[in-house]
C-alpha atoms as a PDB file:
ATOM      1  CA  UNK A   1       0.000   0.000   0.000  1.00  0.00           C
ATOM      2  CA  UNK A   2       2.792   2.421   0.888  1.00  0.00           C
ATOM      3  CA  UNK A   3       4.465   1.710  -2.403  1.00  0.00           C
ATOM      4  CA  UNK A   4       1.226   2.392  -4.275  1.00  0.00           C
ATOM      5  CA  UNK A   5       0.706   5.647  -2.442  1.00  0.00           C
ATOM      6  CA  UNK A   6       4.275   6.716  -3.138  1.00  0.00           C
ATOM      7  CA  UNK A   7       3.840   5.839  -6.796  1.00  0.00           C
ATOM      8  CA  UNK A   8       0.678   7.897  -6.986  1.00  0.00           C
ATOM      9  CA  UNK A   9       2.411  10.812  -5.284  1.00  0.00           C
ATOM     10  CA  UNK A  10       5.316  10.613  -7.709  1.00  0.00           C
ATOM     11  CA  UNK A  11       2.975  10.409 -10.709  1.00  0.00           C
ATOM     12  CA  UNK A  12       0.911  13.344  -9.396  1.00  0.00           C
ATOM     13  CA  UNK A  13       4.074  15.358  -8.816  1.00  0.00           C
ATOM     14  CA  UNK A  14       5.300  14.590 -12.321  1.00  0.00           C
ATOM     15  CA  UNK A  15       1.917  15.524 -13.809  1.00  0.00           C
ATOM     16  CA  UNK A  16       1.843  18.719 -11.788  1.00  0.00           C
ATOM     17  CA  UNK A  17       5.375  19.580 -12.853  1.00  0.00           C
ATOM     18  CA  UNK A  18       4.487  18.808 -16.457  1.00  0.00           C
ATOM     19  CA  UNK A  19       1.347  20.951 -16.213  1.00  0.00           C
ATOM     20  CA  UNK A  20       3.266  23.826 -14.668  1.00  0.00           C
ATOM     21  CA  UNK A  21       5.918  23.476 -17.338  1.00  0.00           C
ATOM     22  CA  UNK A  22       3.288  23.431 -20.072  1.00  0.00           C
ATOM     23  CA  UNK A  23       1.539  26.491 -18.660  1.00  0.00           C
ATOM     24  CA  UNK A  24       4.856  28.288 -18.346  1.00  0.00           C
ATOM     25  CA  UNK A  25       5.797  27.371 -21.903  1.00  0.00           C
ATOM     26  CA  UNK A  26       2.421  28.519 -23.236  1.00  0.00           C
ATOM     27  CA  UNK A  27       2.675  31.808 -21.333  1.00  0.00           C
ATOM     28  CA  UNK A  28       6.059  32.356 -22.931  1.00  0.00           C
ATOM     29  CA  UNK A  29       4.802  31.623 -26.452  1.00  0.00           C
ATOM     30  CA  UNK A  30       1.119  31.479 -27.371  1.00  0.00           C
ATOM     31  CA  UNK A  31      -0.026  33.571 -24.411  1.00  0.00           C
ATOM     32  CA  UNK A  32       2.907  35.970 -24.414  1.00  0.00           C
ATOM     33  CA  UNK A  33       2.821  39.571 -25.589  1.00  0.00           C
ATOM     34  CA  UNK A  34       4.389  38.468 -28.862  1.00  0.00           C
ATOM     35  CA  UNK A  35       1.936  35.596 -29.211  1.00  0.00           C
ATOM     36  CA  UNK A  36      -0.965  37.987 -28.742  1.00  0.00           C
ATOM     37  CA  UNK A  37       0.283  40.315 -31.484  1.00  0.00           C
ATOM     38  CA  UNK A  38       0.950  37.328 -33.727  1.00  0.00           C
ATOM     39  CA  UNK A  39      -2.718  36.365 -33.417  1.00  0.00           C
ATOM     40  CA  UNK A  40      -3.627  39.767 -34.823  1.00  0.00           C
ATOM     41  CA  UNK A  41      -1.141  39.568 -37.700  1.00  0.00           C
ATOM     42  CA  UNK A  42      -2.092  35.993 -38.511  1.00  0.00           C
ATOM     43  CA  UNK A  43      -5.766  37.005 -38.670  1.00  0.00           C
ATOM     44  CA  UNK A  44      -4.925  39.766 -41.160  1.00  0.00           C
ATOM     45  CA  UNK A  45      -2.820  37.382 -43.241  1.00  0.00           C
ATOM     46  CA  UNK A  46      -5.795  34.997 -43.441  1.00  0.00           C
ATOM     47  CA  UNK A  47      -8.293  37.777 -44.140  1.00  0.00           C
ATOM     48  CA  UNK A  48     -10.070  37.069 -40.855  1.00  0.00           C
ATOM     49  CA  UNK A  49     -11.121  40.639 -40.072  1.00  0.00           C
ATOM     50  CA  UNK A  50     -13.730  39.492 -37.530  1.00  0.00           C
ATOM     51  CA  UNK A  51     -11.067  37.654 -35.560  1.00  0.00           C
ATOM     52  CA  UNK A  52      -8.639  40.574 -35.758  1.00  0.00           C
ATOM     53  CA  UNK A  53     -11.219  43.081 -34.553  1.00  0.00           C
ATOM     54  CA  UNK A  54     -12.279  40.793 -31.698  1.00  0.00           C
ATOM     55  CA  UNK A  55      -8.885  41.075 -30.001  1.00  0.00           C
ATOM     56  CA  UNK A  56      -8.694  43.414 -27.036  1.00  0.00           C
ATOM     57  CA  UNK A  57      -7.763  47.017 -27.754  1.00  0.00           C
ATOM     58  CA  UNK A  58      -7.845  46.750 -31.560  1.00  0.00           C
ATOM     59  CA  UNK A  59     -10.591  49.345 -31.956  1.00  0.00           C
ATOM     60  CA  UNK A  60      -9.279  52.758 -30.872  1.00  0.00           C
ATOM     61  CA  UNK A  61     -10.968  54.439 -27.961  1.00  0.00           C
ATOM     62  CA  UNK A  62     -12.577  57.847 -28.173  1.00  0.00           C
ATOM     63  CA  UNK A  63      -9.755  59.163 -25.987  1.00  0.00           C
ATOM     64  CA  UNK A  64      -7.113  57.910 -28.459  1.00  0.00           C
ATOM     65  CA  UNK A  65      -8.894  59.516 -31.404  1.00  0.00           C
ATOM     66  CA  UNK A  66      -9.411  62.778 -29.552  1.00  0.00           C
ATOM     67  CA  UNK A  67      -5.759  62.868 -28.513  1.00  0.00           C
ATOM     68  CA  UNK A  68      -4.806  62.425 -32.176  1.00  0.00           C
ATOM     69  CA  UNK A  69      -7.152  65.307 -33.092  1.00  0.00           C
ATOM     70  CA  UNK A  70      -9.426  62.968 -35.058  1.00  0.00           C
ATOM     71  CA  UNK A  71     -13.178  62.657 -35.045  1.00  0.00           C
ATOM     72  CA  UNK A  72     -14.458  59.921 -32.739  1.00  0.00           C
ATOM     73  CA  UNK A  73     -16.959  58.668 -35.333  1.00  0.00           C
ATOM     74  CA  UNK A  74     -14.661  57.457 -38.086  1.00  0.00           C
ATOM     75  CA  UNK A  75     -16.185  55.250 -40.811  1.00  0.00           C
ATOM     76  CA  UNK A  76     -15.295  51.553 -40.571  1.00  0.00           C
ATOM     77  CA  UNK A  77     -15.774  51.040 -44.314  1.00  0.00           C
ATOM     78  CA  UNK A  78     -12.194  49.856 -44.869  1.00  0.00           C
ATOM     79  CA  UNK A  79     -12.258  47.282 -42.076  1.00  0.00           C
ATOM     80  CA  UNK A  80     -13.071  44.467 -44.481  1.00  0.00           C
ATOM     81  CA  UNK A  81     -11.152  41.550 -45.942  1.00  0.00           C
ATOM     82  CA  UNK A  82     -11.473  42.735 -49.566  1.00  0.00           C
ATOM     83  CA  UNK A  83      -9.037  45.635 -49.016  1.00  0.00           C
ATOM     84  CA  UNK A  84      -6.341  43.574 -47.309  1.00  0.00           C
ATOM     85  CA  UNK A  85      -3.180  42.976 -49.327  1.00  0.00           C
ATOM     86  CA  UNK A  86      -0.511  40.296 -49.090  1.00  0.00           C
ATOM     87  CA  UNK A  87       0.948  39.786 -45.600  1.00  0.00           C
ATOM     88  CA  UNK A  88       3.292  36.837 -45.101  1.00  0.00           C
ATOM     89  CA  UNK A  89       6.524  35.600 -43.500  1.00  0.00           C
ATOM     90  CA  UNK A  90       5.488  36.937 -40.090  1.00  0.00           C
ATOM     91  CA  UNK A  91       8.339  36.710 -37.585  1.00  0.00           C
ATOM     92  CA  UNK A  92       8.808  38.083 -34.068  1.00  0.00           C
ATOM     93  CA  UNK A  93      11.808  40.406 -33.924  1.00  0.00           C
ATOM     94  CA  UNK A  94      11.674  41.612 -30.316  1.00  0.00           C
ATOM     95  CA  UNK A  95       9.484  41.679 -27.215  1.00  0.00           C
ATOM     96  CA  UNK A  96      10.664  44.330 -24.780  1.00  0.00           C
ATOM     97  CA  UNK A  97       8.892  44.831 -21.436  1.00  0.00           C
ATOM     98  CA  UNK A  98       8.743  48.249 -19.878  1.00  0.00           C
ATOM     99  CA  UNK A  99      11.361  48.980 -17.230  1.00  0.00           C
ATOM    100  CA  UNK A 100       9.031  51.220 -15.270  1.00  0.00           C
ATOM    101  CA  UNK A 101       7.805  49.861 -11.955  1.00  0.00           C
ATOM    102  CA  UNK A 102       4.188  48.743 -12.088  1.00  0.00           C
ATOM    103  CA  UNK A 103       4.086  49.094 -15.892  1.00  0.00           C
ATOM    104  CA  UNK A 104       2.935  45.888 -17.566  1.00  0.00           C
ATOM    105  CA  UNK A 105       3.334  47.129 -21.143  1.00  0.00           C
ATOM    106  CA  UNK A 106       5.510  45.483 -23.780  1.00  0.00           C
ATOM    107  CA  UNK A 107       6.861  46.880 -27.034  1.00  0.00           C
ATOM    108  CA  UNK A 108       6.587  44.108 -29.584  1.00  0.00           C
ATOM    109  CA  UNK A 109       8.179  44.353 -33.034  1.00  0.00           C
ATOM    110  CA  UNK A 110       7.367  41.985 -35.897  1.00  0.00           C
ATOM    111  CA  UNK A 111       9.037  41.605 -39.275  1.00  0.00           C
ATOM    112  CA  UNK A 112       6.978  40.484 -42.250  1.00  0.00           C
ATOM    113  CA  UNK A 113       6.652  40.610 -46.002  1.00  0.00           C
ATOM    114  CA  UNK A 114       4.108  43.156 -47.240  1.00  0.00           C
ATOM    115  CA  UNK A 115       3.367  42.718 -50.938  1.00  0.00           C
ATOM    116  CA  UNK A 116       6.918  41.658 -51.669  1.00  0.00           C
ATOM    117  CA  UNK A 117       8.528  44.343 -49.512  1.00  0.00           C
ATOM    118  CA  UNK A 118      10.332  43.520 -46.284  1.00  0.00           C
ATOM    119  CA  UNK A 119       8.650  45.578 -43.547  1.00  0.00           C
ATOM    120  CA  UNK A 120       8.226  45.775 -39.788  1.00  0.00           C
ATOM    121  CA  UNK A 121       5.794  47.277 -37.297  1.00  0.00           C
ATOM    122  CA  UNK A 122       5.958  47.994 -33.590  1.00  0.00           C
ATOM    123  CA  UNK A 123       3.009  47.310 -31.263  1.00  0.00           C
ATOM    124  CA  UNK A 124       2.342  48.309 -27.654  1.00  0.00           C
ATOM    125  CA  UNK A 125       0.449  45.752 -25.565  1.00  0.00           C
ATOM    126  CA  UNK A 126      -0.252  45.387 -21.872  1.00  0.00           C
ATOM    127  CA  UNK A 127      -1.299  42.693 -19.440  1.00  0.00           C
ATOM    128  CA  UNK A 128      -5.037  42.297 -19.005  1.00  0.00           C
ATOM    129  CA  UNK A 129      -5.081  39.780 -16.154  1.00  0.00           C
ATOM    130  CA  UNK A 130      -5.434  36.050 -16.753  1.00  0.00           C
ATOM    131  CA  UNK A 131      -7.983  33.608 -18.066  1.00  0.00           C
ATOM    132  CA  UNK A 132      -8.634  30.080 -16.854  1.00  0.00           C
ATOM    133  CA  UNK A 133      -6.753  31.308 -13.805  1.00  0.00           C
ATOM    134  CA  UNK A 134      -3.335  30.502 -15.266  1.00  0.00           C
ATOM    135  CA  UNK A 135      -2.888  31.900 -18.768  1.00  0.00           C
ATOM    136  CA  UNK A 136      -1.762  35.480 -19.392  1.00  0.00           C
ATOM    137  CA  UNK A 137      -4.274  37.777 -21.099  1.00  0.00           C
ATOM    138  CA  UNK A 138      -3.204  40.775 -23.183  1.00  0.00           C
ATOM    139  CA  UNK A 139      -4.702  43.795 -24.850  1.00  0.00           C
ATOM    140  CA  UNK A 140      -3.370  46.480 -27.152  1.00  0.00           C
ATOM    141  CA  UNK A 141      -2.407  49.516 -25.087  1.00  0.00           C
ATOM    142  CA  UNK A 142      -2.370  51.502 -28.338  1.00  0.00           C
ATOM    143  CA  UNK A 143      -4.746  50.475 -31.113  1.00  0.00           C
ATOM    144  CA  UNK A 144      -2.876  48.962 -34.073  1.00  0.00           C
ATOM    145  CA  UNK A 145      -5.412  50.418 -36.497  1.00  0.00           C
ATOM    146  CA  UNK A 146      -4.443  53.300 -38.727  1.00  0.00           C
ATOM    147  CA  UNK A 147      -6.523  56.228 -39.922  1.00  0.00           C
ATOM    148  CA  UNK A 148      -6.352  56.736 -43.672  1.00  0.00           C
ATOM    149  CA  UNK A 149      -6.928  60.412 -44.473  1.00  0.00           C
ATOM    150  CA  UNK A 150      -7.724  60.661 -48.176  1.00  0.00           C
ATOM    151  CA  UNK A 151      -7.820  63.985 -50.033  1.00  0.00           C
ATOM    152  CA  UNK A 152      -9.279  63.898 -53.540  1.00  0.00           C
ATOM    153  CA  UNK A 153      -8.476  67.005 -55.544  1.00  0.00           C
ATOM    154  CA  UNK A 154     -11.182  68.134 -57.980  1.00  0.00           C
ATOM    155  CA  UNK A 155     -13.426  65.131 -57.264  1.00  0.00           C
ATOM    156  CA  UNK A 156     -15.320  63.358 -54.503  1.00  0.00           C
ATOM    157  CA  UNK A 157     -14.911  59.667 -55.303  1.00  0.00           C
ATOM    158  CA  UNK A 158     -11.862  57.411 -55.205  1.00  0.00           C
ATOM    159  CA  UNK A 159     -10.968  53.737 -55.300  1.00  0.00           C
ATOM    160  CA  UNK A 160      -8.856  52.076 -52.618  1.00  0.00           C
ATOM    161  CA  UNK A 161      -7.667  48.506 -53.226  1.00  0.00           C
ATOM    162  CA  UNK A 162     -10.564  48.030 -55.650  1.00  0.00           C
ATOM    163  CA  UNK A 163     -13.245  49.499 -53.372  1.00  0.00           C
ATOM    164  CA  UNK A 164     -14.874  52.704 -54.629  1.00  0.00           C
ATOM    165  CA  UNK A 165     -15.850  55.257 -51.978  1.00  0.00           C
ATOM    166  CA  UNK A 166     -17.452  58.692 -51.923  1.00  0.00           C
ATOM    167  CA  UNK A 167     -15.786  61.176 -49.580  1.00  0.00           C
ATOM    168  CA  UNK A 168     -19.135  62.877 -48.988  1.00  0.00           C
ATOM    169  CA  UNK A 169     -20.938  59.673 -47.975  1.00  0.00           C
ATOM    170  CA  UNK A 170     -20.522  60.541 -44.295  1.00  0.00           C
ATOM    171  CA  UNK A 171     -20.805  64.320 -44.637  1.00  0.00           C
ATOM    172  CA  UNK A 172     -23.734  66.282 -43.278  1.00  0.00           C
ATOM    173  CA  UNK A 173     -26.690  66.475 -45.649  1.00  0.00           C
ATOM    174  CA  UNK A 174     -26.468  70.256 -45.769  1.00  0.00           C
ATOM    175  CA  UNK A 175     -22.697  70.335 -46.328  1.00  0.00           C
ATOM    176  CA  UNK A 176     -21.902  72.630 -49.276  1.00  0.00           C
ATOM    177  CA  UNK A 177     -20.509  71.096 -52.444  1.00  0.00           C
ATOM    178  CA  UNK A 178     -16.790  71.615 -52.899  1.00  0.00           C
ATOM    179  CA  UNK A 179     -14.417  71.305 -55.853  1.00  0.00           C
ATOM    180  CA  UNK A 180     -12.078  69.079 -53.839  1.00  0.00           C
ATOM    181  CA  UNK A 181     -12.986  66.861 -50.904  1.00  0.00           C
ATOM    182  CA  UNK A 182     -11.561  64.506 -48.309  1.00  0.00           C
ATOM    183  CA  UNK A 183     -12.474  61.990 -45.642  1.00  0.00           C
ATOM    184  CA  UNK A 184     -10.828  59.844 -42.949  1.00  0.00           C
ATOM    185  CA  UNK A 185     -11.358  56.111 -42.442  1.00  0.00           C
ATOM    186  CA  UNK A 186     -10.277  53.528 -39.900  1.00  0.00           C
ATOM    187  CA  UNK A 187      -7.937  51.091 -41.640  1.00  0.00           C
ATOM    188  CA  UNK A 188      -5.988  47.971 -40.827  1.00  0.00           C
ATOM    189  CA  UNK A 189      -2.237  48.180 -40.299  1.00  0.00           C
ATOM    190  CA  UNK A 190       0.005  46.748 -41.527  1.00  0.00           C
ATOM    191  CA  UNK A 191      -1.381  46.895 -45.036  1.00  0.00           C
ATOM    192  CA  UNK A 192      -0.722  48.463 -48.423  1.00  0.00           C
ATOM    193  CA  UNK A 193      -3.349  50.790 -49.843  1.00  0.00           C
ATOM    194  CA  UNK A 194      -3.492  51.810 -53.501  1.00  0.00           C
ATOM    195  CA  UNK A 195      -5.663  54.883 -54.066  1.00  0.00           C
ATOM    196  CA  UNK A 196      -6.757  56.070 -57.492  1.00  0.00           C
ATOM    197  CA  UNK A 197      -9.590  57.674 -59.427  1.00  0.00           C
ATOM    198  CA  UNK A 198     -10.847  56.863 -62.889  1.00  0.00           C
ATOM    199  CA  UNK A 199     -14.090  58.143 -64.334  1.00  0.00           C
ATOM    200  CA  UNK A 200     -15.452  59.153 -67.717  1.00  0.00           C
ATOM    201  CA  UNK A 201     -13.922  62.630 -67.533  1.00  0.00           C
ATOM    202  CA  UNK A 202     -11.235  62.580 -64.826  1.00  0.00           C
ATOM    203  CA  UNK A 203      -8.266  60.366 -64.061  1.00  0.00           C
ATOM    204  CA  UNK A 204      -5.785  60.376 -61.171  1.00  0.00           C
ATOM    205  CA  UNK A 205      -2.499  58.523 -61.050  1.00  0.00           C
ATOM    206  CA  UNK A 206      -2.310  55.626 -58.620  1.00  0.00           C
ATOM    207  CA  UNK A 207      -0.779  56.359 -55.233  1.00  0.00           C
ATOM    208  CA  UNK A 208       0.329  53.452 -53.048  1.00  0.00           C
ATOM    209  CA  UNK A 209       1.197  53.714 -49.367  1.00  0.00           C
ATOM    210  CA  UNK A 210       2.470  51.010 -47.037  1.00  0.00           C
ATOM    211  CA  UNK A 211       0.894  51.626 -43.657  1.00  0.00           C
ATOM    212  CA  UNK A 212       3.066  50.073 -40.960  1.00  0.00           C
ATOM    213  CA  UNK A 213       2.143  52.233 -37.988  1.00  0.00           C
ATOM    214  CA  UNK A 214      -0.983  53.144 -36.100  1.00  0.00           C
ATOM    215  CA  UNK A 215      -2.296  56.705 -36.243  1.00  0.00           C
ATOM    216  CA  UNK A 216      -3.001  58.936 -39.207  1.00  0.00           C
ATOM    217  CA  UNK A 217      -1.624  58.436 -42.719  1.00  0.00           C
ATOM    218  CA  UNK A 218      -2.420  61.148 -45.259  1.00  0.00           C
ATOM    219  CA  UNK A 219      -2.874  60.371 -48.952  1.00  0.00           C
ATOM    220  CA  UNK A 220      -3.649  62.830 -51.748  1.00  0.00           C
ATOM    221  CA  UNK A 221      -4.682  62.106 -55.321  1.00  0.00           C
ATOM    222  CA  UNK A 222      -5.150  64.658 -58.096  1.00  0.00           C
ATOM    223  CA  UNK A 223      -8.050  63.961 -60.451  1.00  0.00           C
ATOM    224  CA  UNK A 224      -7.390  65.775 -63.729  1.00  0.00           C
ATOM    225  CA  UNK A 225      -9.178  66.026 -67.082  1.00  0.00           C
ATOM    226  CA  UNK A 226      -8.467  63.036 -69.304  1.00  0.00           C
ATOM    227  CA  UNK A 227      -8.333  62.910 -73.090  1.00  0.00           C
ATOM    228  CA  UNK A 228     -12.064  62.248 -73.374  1.00  0.00           C
ATOM    229  CA  UNK A 229     -12.913  65.350 -71.361  1.00  0.00           C
ATOM    230  CA  UNK A 230     -10.482  67.524 -73.334  1.00  0.00           C
ATOM    231  CA  UNK A 231     -11.947  66.213 -76.606  1.00  0.00           C
ATOM    232  CA  UNK A 232     -15.517  66.874 -75.464  1.00  0.00           C
ATOM    233  CA  UNK A 233     -14.737  70.418 -74.333  1.00  0.00           C
ATOM    234  CA  UNK A 234     -12.909  71.055 -77.613  1.00  0.00           C
ATOM    235  CA  UNK A 235     -15.898  69.718 -79.557  1.00  0.00           C
ATOM    236  CA  UNK A 236     -18.341  71.944 -77.650  1.00  0.00           C
ATOM    237  CA  UNK A 237     -16.093  74.967 -78.119  1.00  0.00           C
ATOM    238  CA  UNK A 238     -15.712  74.336 -81.839  1.00  0.00           C
ATOM    239  CA  UNK A 239     -19.453  73.887 -82.176  1.00  0.00           C
ATOM    240  CA  UNK A 240     -20.064  77.221 -80.444  1.00  0.00           C
ATOM    241  CA  UNK A 241     -17.589  79.015 -82.700  1.00  0.00           C
ATOM    242  CA  UNK A 242     -19.061  77.393 -85.818  1.00  0.00           C
ATOM    243  CA  UNK A 243     -22.505  78.631 -84.795  1.00  0.00           C
ATOM    244  CA  UNK A 244     -21.064  82.104 -84.299  1.00  0.00           C
ATOM    245  CA  UNK A 245     -19.674  81.933 -87.831  1.00  0.00           C
ATOM    246  CA  UNK A 246     -23.174  81.453 -89.240  1.00  0.00           C
ATOM    247  CA  UNK A 247     -24.153  85.010 -88.238  1.00  0.00           C
ATOM    248  CA  UNK A 248     -24.036  87.275 -91.275  1.00  0.00           C
ATOM    249  CA  UNK A 249     -23.147  90.443 -89.386  1.00  0.00           C
ATOM    250  CA  UNK A 250     -19.894  92.251 -88.721  1.00  0.00           C
ATOM    251  CA  UNK A 251     -20.220  91.820 -84.951  1.00  0.00           C
ATOM    252  CA  UNK A 252     -21.673  88.341 -84.234  1.00  0.00           C
ATOM    253  CA  UNK A 253     -23.788  88.457 -81.084  1.00  0.00           C
ATOM    254  CA  UNK A 254     -22.237  86.899 -77.929  1.00  0.00           C
ATOM    255  CA  UNK A 255     -19.202  85.822 -79.923  1.00  0.00           C
ATOM    256  CA  UNK A 256     -15.541  86.542 -79.174  1.00  0.00           C
ATOM    257  CA  UNK A 257     -14.748  88.417 -82.394  1.00  0.00           C
ATOM    258  CA  UNK A 258     -16.037  91.109 -84.687  1.00  0.00           C
ATOM    259  CA  UNK A 259     -14.844  93.768 -87.102  1.00  0.00           C
ATOM    260  CA  UNK A 260     -15.643  97.431 -87.732  1.00  0.00           C
ATOM    261  CA  UNK A 261     -15.770  98.704 -91.350  1.00  0.00           C
ATOM    262  CA  UNK A 262     -16.317 102.390 -92.104  1.00  0.00           C
ATOM    263  CA  UNK A 263     -17.313 101.821 -95.735  1.00  0.00           C
ATOM    264  CA  UNK A 264     -20.711 100.681 -96.999  1.00  0.00           C
ATOM    265  CA  UNK A 265     -21.342  96.923 -96.787  1.00  0.00           C
ATOM    266  CA  UNK A 266     -22.451  95.266-100.024  1.00  0.00           C
ATOM    267  CA  UNK A 267     -24.020  91.903 -99.359  1.00  0.00           C
ATOM    268  CA  UNK A 268     -23.868  89.703 -96.260  1.00  0.00           C
ATOM    269  CA  UNK A 269     -20.536  89.059 -94.495  1.00  0.00           C
ATOM    270  CA  UNK A 270     -19.379  85.438 -94.568  1.00  0.00           C
ATOM    271  CA  UNK A 271     -17.488  84.183 -91.539  1.00  0.00           C
ATOM    272  CA  UNK A 272     -15.450  81.017 -91.094  1.00  0.00           C
ATOM    273  CA  UNK A 273     -13.069  79.700 -88.441  1.00  0.00           C
ATOM    274  CA  UNK A 274      -9.511  79.179 -89.608  1.00  0.00           C
ATOM    275  CA  UNK A 275      -7.989  78.534 -86.173  1.00  0.00           C
ATOM    276  CA  UNK A 276      -9.822  77.057 -83.195  1.00  0.00           C
ATOM    277  CA  UNK A 277      -8.387  77.775 -79.723  1.00  0.00           C
ATOM    278  CA  UNK A 278      -6.661  74.619 -78.470  1.00  0.00           C
ATOM    279  CA  UNK A 279      -8.240  73.496 -75.207  1.00  0.00           C
ATOM    280  CA  UNK A 280      -5.870  73.037 -72.291  1.00  0.00           C
ATOM    281  CA  UNK A 281      -7.414  72.764 -68.817  1.00  0.00           C
ATOM    282  CA  UNK A 282      -5.818  73.516 -65.482  1.00  0.00           C
ATOM    283  CA  UNK A 283      -7.373  73.324 -62.034  1.00  0.00           C
ATOM    284  CA  UNK A 284      -8.663  76.554 -60.551  1.00  0.00           C
ATOM    285  CA  UNK A 285     -10.292  77.193 -57.177  1.00  0.00           C
ATOM    286  CA  UNK A 286     -13.771  76.069 -58.191  1.00  0.00           C
ATOM    287  CA  UNK A 287     -13.464  74.614 -61.692  1.00  0.00           C
ATOM    288  CA  UNK A 288     -11.104  73.603 -64.454  1.00  0.00           C
ATOM    289  CA  UNK A 289      -9.991  76.623 -66.456  1.00  0.00           C
ATOM    290  CA  UNK A 290      -8.848  77.339 -69.986  1.00  0.00           C
ATOM    291  CA  UNK A 291      -7.062  80.686 -69.886  1.00  0.00           C
ATOM    292  CA  UNK A 292      -7.598  83.215 -72.696  1.00  0.00           C
ATOM    293  CA  UNK A 293      -6.381  81.337 -75.764  1.00  0.00           C
ATOM    294  CA  UNK A 294      -5.848  82.622 -79.280  1.00  0.00           C
ATOM    295  CA  UNK A 295      -8.096  81.654 -82.181  1.00  0.00           C
ATOM    296  CA  UNK A 296      -8.723  83.044 -85.636  1.00  0.00           C
ATOM    297  CA  UNK A 297     -11.832  83.816 -87.662  1.00  0.00           C
ATOM    298  CA  UNK A 298     -11.963  84.837 -91.308  1.00  0.00           C
ATOM    299  CA  UNK A 299     -14.307  87.248 -93.047  1.00  0.00           C
ATOM    300  CA  UNK A 300     -15.191  87.734 -96.688  1.00  0.00           C
ATOM    301  CA  UNK A 301     -17.424  90.701 -97.504  1.00  0.00           C
ATOM    302  CA  UNK A 302     -17.869  93.199-100.331  1.00  0.00           C
ATOM    303  CA  UNK A 303     -17.610  96.869 -99.389  1.00  0.00           C
ATOM    304  CA  UNK A 304     -18.114 100.115-101.257  1.00  0.00           C
ATOM    305  CA  UNK A 305     -15.863 103.034-100.536  1.00  0.00           C
ATOM    306  CA  UNK A 306     -17.675 106.065 -99.192  1.00  0.00           C
ATOM    307  CA  UNK A 307     -14.907 108.217-100.689  1.00  0.00           C
ATOM    308  CA  UNK A 308     -14.969 107.229-104.359  1.00  0.00           C
ATOM    309  CA  UNK A 309     -17.610 104.502-104.639  1.00  0.00           C
ATOM    310  CA  UNK A 310     -15.133 101.759-105.529  1.00  0.00           C
ATOM    311  CA  UNK A 311     -16.253  98.228-104.675  1.00  0.00           C
ATOM    312  CA  UNK A 312     -13.745  95.787-103.199  1.00  0.00           C
ATOM    313  CA  UNK A 313     -13.676  92.578-101.233  1.00  0.00           C
ATOM    314  CA  UNK A 314     -12.462  92.466 -97.634  1.00  0.00           C
ATOM    315  CA  UNK A 315     -10.918  88.999 -97.315  1.00  0.00           C
ATOM    316  CA  UNK A 316      -8.924  88.798 -94.125  1.00  0.00           C
ATOM    317  CA  UNK A 317      -8.240  86.973 -90.872  1.00  0.00           C
ATOM    318  CA  UNK A 318      -9.653  88.330 -87.616  1.00  0.00           C
ATOM    319  CA  UNK A 319      -7.765  87.110 -84.495  1.00  0.00           C
ATOM    320  CA  UNK A 320      -9.548  86.699 -81.171  1.00  0.00           C
ATOM    321  CA  UNK A 321      -9.018  85.179 -77.720  1.00  0.00           C
ATOM    322  CA  UNK A 322     -11.381  83.355 -75.409  1.00  0.00           C
ATOM    323  CA  UNK A 323     -11.346  81.248 -72.255  1.00  0.00           C
ATOM    324  CA  UNK A 324     -13.750  78.966 -70.445  1.00  0.00           C
ATOM    325  CA  UNK A 325     -14.511  77.206 -67.153  1.00  0.00           C
ATOM    326  CA  UNK A 326     -15.631  73.599 -66.822  1.00  0.00           C
ATOM    327  CA  UNK A 327     -17.255  71.687 -63.955  1.00  0.00           C
ATOM    328  CA  UNK A 328     -17.967  67.957 -63.963  1.00  0.00           C
ATOM    329  CA  UNK A 329     -21.467  67.677 -62.526  1.00  0.00           C
ATOM    330  CA  UNK A 330     -22.509  64.787 -60.223  1.00  0.00           C
ATOM    331  CA  UNK A 331     -24.315  63.230 -63.193  1.00  0.00           C
ATOM    332  CA  UNK A 332     -21.039  63.163 -65.107  1.00  0.00           C
ATOM    333  CA  UNK A 333     -22.162  65.834 -67.582  1.00  0.00           C
ATOM    334  CA  UNK A 334     -19.984  68.871 -68.231  1.00  0.00           C
ATOM    335  CA  UNK A 335     -21.070  72.415 -67.359  1.00  0.00           C
ATOM    336  CA  UNK A 336     -19.074  74.762 -69.602  1.00  0.00           C
ATOM    337  CA  UNK A 337     -18.995  78.516 -69.063  1.00  0.00           C
ATOM    338  CA  UNK A 338     -17.406  80.526 -71.867  1.00  0.00           C
ATOM    339  CA  UNK A 339     -15.662  83.784 -71.164  1.00  0.00           C
END
């Protein structure tokens, strides 16, 4: 009996030692500060946004946003799997506890591959007690999420990683329309974001940013008239000038040219356009502008001299200049103002 009891005691001691060793090992790996951060990164790599957001401290608090001078009601539109890019080769680089007394925070740094580029990101986590009475629990002391601040010049819509958004979607209903616009969005980090704009009339070059830090990241894209818009404005301008040329008067009404002749006019003047102003658009404060640009009309008209009665033909070029302003309306149609 004594031997049996001793055997049981030895077995129990070994099991207890093994359990303690297992718990200790798990607290140093899976349930360590680095293990906690790795759960977050692994979730992003797998596209598991629900799992990533469920971890403690991932969503920034109102105090964090206020301290960063950001609105506390940021859209969560980008917190979806479809905008995540390639994250792989995740490896713990360092796990450094705070040296301050009573401070349970750790600075954890991970290396990883982000769309083919070697990158790293630092995280701040802190102890959040235990669970099951033995395993360490952690939370992010600083949210790992970024805030993507997108400015779209001369437009209101943009595309980020294939998702098209409207900067005014979260604006007040009575907010005045603006030529350029911007908005801020909560976004996962680390991640690469490619922002662009392409519409029937405007195109912006792609801008890619690798976000490997929490806090605000500003991105600006410049939507400018594309070839289709230039061609349409040129067509409308030419049409206007052609209509002006149909007026059989010396000073066509509401047109950018005219001529004064002191002699008597014999017959109707005939106008034609021999040089259309070439449309080039640049961004102004409220619209796209074509500065005063040279063009050339031509007139053919018979005149009779008031001095001696001789009849001759005035056949000459008449130079002129004109400019215009263009706005792309929400419907996509162009509003052109000539001046």
